[in-house]
């Protein structure tokens, strides 16, 4: 069987790892690295991705997986729509010149970004009236690695509406190439549900990182001794939470600038007074991001807190 050609944009930690899994299963994976960093180019090369212009990417791929920073999701979808419309017109013109009927390539655009449901509905709306079918997918978990796979929760148009169920079954078939796909189907389901699930999961995962950072920075503001005492207390009363802090705070520091947009999106998603909690976390991540690119004072505070937590954990396990 001919294995599919799939576009994955872009080559961040998640996108490149997903691409590497597909390439290892024999798929051809295209990407477009216009404006991307040297690190992204290196990840793409390591994953076996083929860097091509956007027009070529659309010509060669049926599946287009959008895995970009959330604030870029809508603009990237607009670029794909423009390229698809141009390519469809070109094919229609060529078919007419040969006296043939037009062939519908039926692309599938899969939005895999951490955006709120209203945004993903706007993105899906871009493709109405085009040759593109749309899937809302939320990736829950970290990048694929040997022995581990995140889950692509996926939904499309609601039951009985258009070709939603058919395109979902086609997407589920990509599991044979290394993707773990779980379909959201049933009465009342539709575009926005997968993004809702992803955001609800992010409330716990990224919200807890925001809470840890807030706690550590606030304790240190009182005094370094207060911060050390806090870590000691956590090692006694909340060892499980401290273990999570040790892992997730260092992972969150370099991603803090990205988490700002996600927390603001969570606030819009939750709404009401509860939204203020996530807006507060957005400001914390904004502060950490500024520190990372500036004086690094807050980064030093967080790093020392994690080191103290590790020291206390190692002491407790050696007894």
Protein backbone atom coordinates (compact mmCIF):
# COMPACT_ATOMS: atom_id res chain seq x y z
CA UNK A 1 0.00 0.00 0.00
CA UNK A 2 1.22 3.49 -0.86
CA UNK A 3 2.06 5.26 2.38
CA UNK A 4 0.73 8.79 2.81
CA UNK A 5 2.53 12.05 2.32
CA UNK A 6 1.86 14.26 5.33
CA UNK A 7 2.72 17.88 6.05
CA UNK A 8 3.68 18.79 9.62
CA UNK A 9 4.23 22.47 10.37
CA UNK A 10 6.31 23.38 12.18
CA UNK A 11 9.41 21.66 13.56
CA UNK A 12 9.12 22.53 17.23
CA UNK A 13 9.66 19.91 19.91
CA UNK A 14 6.21 18.37 19.35
CA UNK A 15 5.99 18.79 15.57
CA UNK A 16 9.43 17.33 14.89
CA UNK A 17 8.82 14.39 17.22
CA UNK A 18 5.47 13.62 15.56
CA UNK A 19 7.17 13.86 12.16
CA UNK A 20 9.98 11.55 13.27
CA UNK A 21 7.43 8.94 14.35
CA UNK A 22 5.67 9.15 10.95
CA UNK A 23 8.95 9.03 8.99
CA UNK A 24 10.08 5.98 10.95
CA UNK A 25 6.85 4.27 9.83
CA UNK A 26 7.67 4.98 6.19
CA UNK A 27 5.66 8.14 5.58
CA UNK A 28 7.01 11.11 3.63
CA UNK A 29 6.74 14.23 5.80
CA UNK A 30 6.97 17.73 4.36
CA UNK A 31 7.35 20.96 6.29
CA UNK A 32 7.92 24.64 5.67
CA UNK A 33 10.60 26.37 7.71
CA UNK A 34 10.29 29.92 6.39
CA UNK A 35 11.27 32.28 9.20
CA UNK A 36 12.10 29.46 11.61
CA UNK A 37 15.20 29.25 13.78
CA UNK A 38 18.41 27.30 13.20
CA UNK A 39 17.25 24.97 15.98
CA UNK A 40 14.02 24.25 14.08
CA UNK A 41 16.02 23.45 10.93
CA UNK A 42 18.20 21.08 12.94
CA UNK A 43 15.18 19.32 14.47
CA UNK A 44 13.58 18.95 11.05
CA UNK A 45 16.70 17.42 9.59
CA UNK A 46 17.02 15.00 12.50
CA UNK A 47 13.38 13.97 12.08
CA UNK A 48 13.74 13.37 8.34
CA UNK A 49 11.32 16.16 7.37
CA UNK A 50 11.57 17.64 3.87
CA UNK A 51 11.63 21.45 3.84
CA UNK A 52 9.71 22.82 0.85
CA UNK A 53 7.90 26.04 -0.13
CA UNK A 54 4.31 26.24 1.07
CA UNK A 55 2.98 25.78 -2.48
CA UNK A 56 4.93 22.51 -2.85
CA UNK A 57 3.78 21.35 0.58
CA UNK A 58 0.16 21.76 -0.50
CA UNK A 59 0.80 20.04 -3.86
CA UNK A 60 2.44 17.00 -2.31
CA UNK A 61 0.38 16.42 0.85
CA UNK A 62 -3.16 15.29 1.58
CA UNK A 63 -2.84 15.68 5.34
CA UNK A 64 -1.70 19.00 6.82
CA UNK A 65 -1.03 18.91 10.56
CA UNK A 66 -0.78 22.37 12.11
CA UNK A 67 1.42 22.18 15.22
CA UNK A 68 2.55 25.78 15.64
CA UNK A 69 2.74 28.25 18.55
CA UNK A 70 -0.93 28.94 19.41
CA UNK A 71 -0.80 32.62 18.52
CA UNK A 72 0.27 31.64 14.97
CA UNK A 73 -2.52 29.08 14.41
CA UNK A 74 -5.02 31.31 12.61
CA UNK A 75 -2.44 33.05 10.41
CA UNK A 76 -0.97 29.71 9.33
CA UNK A 77 -4.43 28.38 8.44
CA UNK A 78 -5.02 31.51 6.33
CA UNK A 79 -1.80 30.80 4.42
CA UNK A 80 -2.86 27.22 3.76
CA UNK A 81 -6.30 28.33 2.59
CA UNK A 82 -4.77 30.79 0.12
CA UNK A 83 -2.38 28.12 -1.21
CA UNK A 84 -5.20 25.57 -1.55
CA UNK A 85 -7.47 27.97 -3.42
CA UNK A 86 -4.66 28.81 -5.83
CA UNK A 87 -3.77 25.14 -6.37
CA UNK A 88 -7.45 24.17 -6.88
CA UNK A 89 -7.85 26.90 -9.49
CA UNK A 90 -4.69 25.76 -11.27
CA UNK A 91 -5.87 22.14 -11.36
CA UNK A 92 -9.33 23.15 -12.55
CA UNK A 93 -7.84 25.25 -15.34
CA UNK A 94 -5.50 22.47 -16.44
CA UNK A 95 -8.29 19.89 -16.38
CA UNK A 96 -10.51 22.17 -18.46
CA UNK A 97 -7.76 22.67 -21.03
CA UNK A 98 -7.47 18.89 -21.40
CA UNK A 99 -11.23 18.46 -21.60
CA UNK A 100 -11.25 16.42 -18.40
CA UNK A 101 -13.49 16.70 -15.35
CA UNK A 102 -11.95 18.43 -12.35
CA UNK A 103 -10.30 16.16 -9.81
CA UNK A 104 -10.94 17.06 -6.16
CA UNK A 105 -7.76 16.44 -4.12
CA UNK A 106 -9.69 16.80 -0.83
CA UNK A 107 -7.00 17.96 1.55
CA UNK A 108 -7.46 17.51 5.29
CA UNK A 109 -6.32 20.28 7.62
CA UNK A 110 -5.81 19.11 11.21
CA UNK A 111 -5.48 21.88 13.77
CA UNK A 112 -3.48 20.43 16.68
CA UNK A 113 -2.87 23.67 18.58
CA UNK A 114 -3.73 24.70 22.15
CA UNK A 115 -6.32 27.32 21.16
CA UNK A 116 -9.72 27.94 22.67
CA UNK A 117 -12.83 26.43 21.03
CA UNK A 118 -14.01 29.72 19.54
CA UNK A 119 -10.67 30.17 17.79
CA UNK A 120 -10.65 26.64 16.40
CA UNK A 121 -14.16 27.21 15.03
CA UNK A 122 -12.89 30.36 13.31
CA UNK A 123 -10.01 28.35 11.85
CA UNK A 124 -12.38 25.64 10.63
CA UNK A 125 -14.61 28.29 9.11
CA UNK A 126 -11.75 29.41 6.86
CA UNK A 127 -12.05 26.17 4.89
CA UNK A 128 -15.80 26.16 4.26
CA UNK A 129 -16.46 26.18 0.53
CA UNK A 130 -12.98 24.87 -0.28
CA UNK A 131 -11.61 21.41 -1.06
CA UNK A 132 -10.35 21.11 2.51
CA UNK A 133 -11.95 19.01 5.21
CA UNK A 134 -11.23 20.10 8.76
CA UNK A 135 -10.39 18.26 11.98
CA UNK A 136 -10.06 19.77 15.45
CA UNK A 137 -7.38 17.77 17.29
CA UNK A 138 -5.97 18.24 20.77
CA UNK A 139 -2.63 16.60 21.57
CA UNK A 140 -2.59 15.53 25.20
CA UNK A 141 0.84 14.57 26.50
CA UNK A 142 4.43 15.36 25.64
CA UNK A 143 6.29 14.76 22.37
CA UNK A 144 6.47 11.12 21.18
CA UNK A 145 9.54 9.21 22.23
CA UNK A 146 10.51 5.52 22.31
CA UNK A 147 7.96 3.73 24.47
CA UNK A 148 5.64 6.72 24.80
CA UNK A 149 2.94 8.30 22.64
CA UNK A 150 0.71 11.31 23.31
CA UNK A 151 -2.94 11.03 22.32
CA UNK A 152 -4.50 12.95 19.44
CA UNK A 153 -8.11 13.53 20.53
CA UNK A 154 -10.00 14.40 17.35
CA UNK A 155 -13.42 15.63 16.30
CA UNK A 156 -14.99 17.17 13.24
CA UNK A 157 -18.48 18.22 12.18
CA UNK A 158 -21.25 16.90 14.42
CA UNK A 159 -23.10 13.68 13.76
CA UNK A 160 -25.05 13.78 10.52
CA UNK A 161 -23.32 16.97 9.38
CA UNK A 162 -21.30 16.68 6.17
CA UNK A 163 -18.40 14.24 6.01
CA UNK A 164 -17.29 14.62 9.62
CA UNK A 165 -17.47 10.96 10.55
CA UNK A 166 -15.75 9.78 7.37
CA UNK A 167 -12.77 12.09 7.72
CA UNK A 168 -12.38 11.11 11.37
CA UNK A 169 -12.17 7.43 10.44
CA UNK A 170 -9.53 8.31 7.84
CA UNK A 171 -7.57 10.20 10.49
CA UNK A 172 -7.86 7.27 12.91
CA UNK A 173 -6.30 5.06 10.21
CA UNK A 174 -3.06 7.04 10.63
CA UNK A 175 -2.59 5.06 13.85
CA UNK A 176 -0.96 2.39 11.71
CA UNK A 177 1.88 4.90 11.18
CA UNK A 178 2.55 5.52 14.84
CA UNK A 179 -0.03 8.12 15.93
CA UNK A 180 -2.30 7.34 18.87
CA UNK A 181 -5.72 8.67 17.85
CA UNK A 182 -8.86 8.79 19.98
CA UNK A 183 -12.04 9.99 18.27
CA UNK A 184 -14.60 12.16 20.02
CA UNK A 185 -17.94 11.04 18.56
CA UNK A 186 -21.53 10.94 19.65
CA UNK A 187 -24.55 13.20 20.10
CA UNK A 188 -23.65 16.83 20.58
CA UNK A 189 -20.00 16.49 19.58
CA UNK A 190 -18.43 18.81 17.03
CA UNK A 191 -15.58 21.16 16.25
CA UNK A 192 -14.28 22.70 19.45
CA UNK A 193 -14.64 19.63 21.65
CA UNK A 194 -11.08 18.36 21.17
CA UNK A 195 -9.70 21.82 21.87
CA UNK A 196 -11.90 22.02 24.98
CA UNK A 197 -10.50 18.72 26.24
CA UNK A 198 -6.94 19.89 25.60
CA UNK A 199 -7.50 23.15 27.46
CA UNK A 200 -9.12 21.41 30.42
CA UNK A 201 -6.09 19.12 30.67
CA UNK A 202 -3.81 22.18 30.43
CA UNK A 203 -5.57 23.74 33.40
CA UNK A 204 -4.00 21.08 35.58
CA UNK A 205 -0.65 20.65 33.84
CA UNK A 206 0.35 24.21 32.97
CA UNK A 207 -1.78 25.79 35.68
CA UNK A 208 0.16 23.80 38.28
CA UNK A 209 3.44 25.11 36.83
CA UNK A 210 2.09 28.65 37.15
CA UNK A 211 1.05 27.94 40.75
CA UNK A 212 4.48 26.49 41.61
CA UNK A 213 6.28 29.49 40.12
CA UNK A 214 3.97 31.94 41.91
CA UNK A 215 4.53 30.15 45.22
CA UNK A 216 8.32 30.05 44.85
CA UNK A 217 8.70 33.68 43.74
CA UNK A 218 6.38 34.94 46.49
CA UNK A 219 8.18 32.97 49.22
CA UNK A 220 11.54 34.30 48.03
CA UNK A 221 10.16 37.84 48.06
CA UNK A 222 9.80 37.47 51.84
CA UNK A 223 13.33 36.10 52.19
CA UNK A 224 15.58 33.31 50.90
CA UNK A 225 15.15 31.60 54.27
CA UNK A 226 11.37 31.55 53.74
CA UNK A 227 11.84 29.96 50.32
CA UNK A 228 14.13 27.26 51.75
CA UNK A 229 11.72 26.56 54.60
CA UNK A 230 8.87 26.21 52.10
CA UNK A 231 10.75 23.54 50.17
CA UNK A 232 11.53 21.72 53.43
CA UNK A 233 7.87 21.77 54.43
CA UNK A 234 6.80 20.48 51.02
CA UNK A 235 9.30 17.62 51.30
CA UNK A 236 7.58 16.58 54.54
CA UNK A 237 3.89 17.28 53.92
CA UNK A 238 3.60 17.18 50.10
CA UNK A 239 6.38 14.98 48.70
CA UNK A 240 4.36 14.06 45.61
CA UNK A 241 3.78 17.70 44.72
CA UNK A 242 7.45 18.49 45.30
CA UNK A 243 8.45 15.70 42.92
CA UNK A 244 6.18 17.26 40.30
CA UNK A 245 7.67 20.71 40.95
CA UNK A 246 11.19 19.37 40.43
CA UNK A 247 10.26 18.07 36.98
CA UNK A 248 7.83 20.68 35.65
CA UNK A 249 9.30 24.01 36.75
CA UNK A 250 12.57 23.52 34.81
CA UNK A 251 10.54 22.34 31.79
CA UNK A 252 8.28 25.38 32.04
CA UNK A 253 10.96 28.09 32.28
CA UNK A 254 12.04 28.08 28.59
CA UNK A 255 8.40 27.76 27.48
CA UNK A 256 7.04 30.54 29.72
CA UNK A 257 6.64 33.04 26.87
CA UNK A 258 4.46 30.50 25.00
CA UNK A 259 2.36 29.75 28.05
CA UNK A 260 1.27 33.41 28.27
CA UNK A 261 -0.99 33.10 25.23
CA UNK A 262 -2.28 29.71 26.36
CA UNK A 263 -3.24 31.03 29.81
CA UNK A 264 -5.00 34.02 28.27
CA UNK A 265 -6.86 31.59 26.01
CA UNK A 266 -7.81 29.51 29.05
CA UNK A 267 -9.19 32.64 30.72
CA UNK A 268 -11.38 33.36 27.68
CA UNK A 269 -12.47 29.71 27.60
CA UNK A 270 -13.43 29.54 31.29
CA UNK A 271 -14.98 33.01 31.48
CA UNK A 272 -16.51 34.73 34.48
CA UNK A 273 -14.59 35.49 37.65
CA UNK A 274 -12.78 32.15 37.40
CA UNK A 275 -10.92 33.52 34.37
CA UNK A 276 -8.92 35.83 36.64
CA UNK A 277 -6.94 32.85 37.93
CA UNK A 278 -5.59 32.06 34.47
CA UNK A 279 -4.98 35.72 33.65
CA UNK A 280 -2.85 35.80 36.80
CA UNK A 281 -0.86 32.79 35.64
CA UNK A 282 -0.37 34.54 32.28
CA UNK A 283 1.23 37.47 34.08
CA UNK A 284 3.51 35.10 36.04
CA UNK A 285 4.66 33.40 32.83
CA UNK A 286 5.12 36.81 31.25
CA UNK A 287 7.34 37.81 34.18
CA UNK A 288 9.40 34.62 33.93
CA UNK A 289 9.77 35.08 30.16
CA UNK A 290 11.04 38.64 30.65
CA UNK A 291 13.50 37.43 33.26
CA UNK A 292 14.77 34.72 30.94
CA UNK A 293 15.61 37.29 28.26
CA UNK A 294 16.66 39.98 30.75
CA UNK A 295 18.35 40.06 34.16
CA UNK A 296 17.52 36.39 34.95
CA UNK A 297 16.89 37.25 38.62
CA UNK A 298 13.60 35.34 38.77
CA UNK A 299 15.15 32.47 36.83
CA UNK A 300 17.85 32.26 39.49
CA UNK A 301 15.21 32.18 42.23
CA UNK A 302 13.29 29.36 40.55
CA UNK A 303 16.45 27.40 39.74
CA UNK A 304 17.72 27.65 43.33
CA UNK A 305 14.31 26.54 44.60
CA UNK A 306 14.37 23.46 42.38
CA UNK A 307 17.94 22.67 43.44
CA UNK A 308 16.92 22.93 47.10
CA UNK A 309 13.98 20.62 46.46
CA UNK A 310 16.26 18.07 44.76
CA UNK A 311 18.70 18.24 47.66
CA UNK A 312 15.91 17.61 50.18
CA UNK A 313 14.52 14.72 48.15
CA UNK A 314 17.95 13.08 47.84
CA UNK A 315 18.49 13.48 51.57
CA UNK A 316 15.13 11.88 52.39
CA UNK A 317 15.64 8.94 50.03
CA UNK A 318 19.14 8.21 51.37
CA UNK A 319 17.88 7.78 54.95
